[in-house]
Structures are given as structure tokens and as C-alpha cells.
Amino acid sequence: MLKFTDQPFMNNIQTISAFHRLLSLPAPTHPLVSVARLQDRKSANDDIWQPFSVDFYTISLKREVRARMKYGQQYYDFDTGIMSFTSPRQAQLLEMVDESTAGPQFGKGFVLMLHPDFLRRHPLATTIRNYGFFSYAVNESLHLSAQEERNIIDVFRKIEQEGKHIDKHTQPVMLSQIDLLLNYCNRFYERQFITRKAVNSDLLMKLEQLLDKWFETNDDFKRSLPTVEYLAGKLNLSPHYLTDMLRALTGQSTQAHIHEKLIEKAKERLSTTTLSVSEIAYELGFEHPQSFSKLFKAKTALSPSAFRESFS
């Protein structure tokens, strides 16, 4: 059984060919892109997964996996059909949960391995960085409907088939299919934000409570503004997932929610206390009152002093 340990180093898998060897797979036809079937994979060395990173993107569709991934302190059990995404050099950790078998049990499905060099001089080299799901945590994986899964499998198979030979058309054809795959995933994530609206609405309520508590209890020893990373950590979400979820629910980013709550609290203090603008700015976490005044005016079209005077 693989166990999580604190190690002073991280195993780095630099090439797709090396990754194939570690999983006892035949060498890839193309050194920069490959589709492997999970049921064909077999770990050659358990220790390599504790922890590890790769120098390429991976997009996986998994089902019936008897293993768990860990990002930070969050686990996700791959026991249903889901998709997950990793970017180059993203730290990962794999743990066995089925002690009756040797080596990680990868289950069924597909994994696309895509080296950044394959994208050179193609628009995807830039646009792939705009897909936030490469920065999501494992517990924020994409859950597919039956029809969505069929669509994704169809694209994986087309990429797999095209990768069996190399000619002058290979790269543009494969890149068009990879672009389609990413667009499908983007659409399906947006659907997931909607279909999980009840759960996400509960997270939105918890976010509001966290912000209320921050501005009411932030003491003199840690006076500062709340960050997106802090809020995401408290909600056990990655910052990218939290922002994308909020945009789908409210049309606003996490930072916009922070500013909205901050202005709400500022208005409350300006209208109900005799504290100076500088004192209110400091109380709310601003190091410089000018920064507070600038933000307040940008959000309300009034300076803090002008807003206060409207109540006199």
C-alpha cells in the first residue's frame, strides 16, 4: 500500500516516453503527444508516485479506479467516471486504497499526455493557459453525464487513432481534436456549476459568512484584507475553481465579492460611527487610507467623506 510521506524531494517525469516506461506501456509513436488506455497501464515502481510531477499536460477520463489522488490536503476517490486535468510541474500524489492488489489500480478510461512543445506556433500554446480547470484541485474534477462521456470518448479515440502514424497532417489534425476536447470540457464544467447549484449556493453562503467574520473579528495583530487564496482554502476549494463557480452563479469573481463586502462594511461604518476615514480604512485592513478611498470612489462614485456627508 502506498502511504503519504513527507519527502524532501519530488520525483519529476520529464518526458512522455519516460512516463510510458514507468507504466509498462509501449513507446509512444510521437514523443510529444500520446493517448493511453488506463486498463493497459501497470506501475513499474510504486515509489515514483510519492510525490511526483510531469513536464506535460494530462487530461484523463477515469472510471473504476482503486486509487486516490491528493493535492494539498484534499483527496478525491476515482470510483466513478470523471475527468481530471494537470498542468506541467503540478505536484501530485497517488495512494493505493485497495490493499489486496499490488501497484496503483488505474481502472478504465483514457489519458492524453500533451507536451507544451507540441503546441509551439499554434494558438493553443497561449489559449490552453486560459482554461482554469488545469488549476483545479482533484476534488473539483469534472463529472460527466452519459452523453457527455460518449462525446469525450469519441474525441479521445480520434486523437488515439491519428497518433498511430506521423505525417505532415498529424499535428494540425490532432491539435484540432485537442482544441475540441478542451472546448467540450469548458462547456461541461459550466454545466456542472449549474447542475450543482444547490451545493454551490451553500458555498456562496459560507463565503459570505467568512467575509462577515473576517471584517468583524480582524484584530490589530493581523489587520489585513482577505485574499482569494485564504477564502478558497477555508472552503476547501482551489482559487480558480472558486472564482469560476462564483462567475457562473453571480457573474462576479472572488475578488469582486471581497470588494463588494468591503464596501458594504465601509458604508456601515461611515454612516453609523464617528471614526475618521483613516481609522475605518485601517480597521478594514488597508495599510494606506488613500488605497481605501480610491477603491471606495471607484465602486460608489463618491469619496468616503462625500458618502458620509450625504447622511448629515
Foldseek 3Di string as FASTA:
>chain_A
DDDADDDPDAAEAEWPQSVCVQQVHPGFLDGFKAKDWLVSGFGPDLVNVNPYFYQWKKKWWAECWQKWKDQDHDIDGRHHTWIAIAGGPRIMHMGGPDPVDDGGGRHGTMMMTGHLVLCPPHPCNPCVVVLLRNQWTPVLIFDDDPVLVVVLRVLSVVLNVLRVDDDPCSSVVNVVSVVVNSVSRVVRSLVVLVVCVVVLVVLVVVLVVVLVCCLVPVDPVRQAQDDLCNSCVVSVIGSSSQQVSCCSVPVGGPVVVSLVSLLVVLLVCLQPHPDDLQVSCRSRRHPDSVVVQVSNCVVPVDGSVRSSVVND
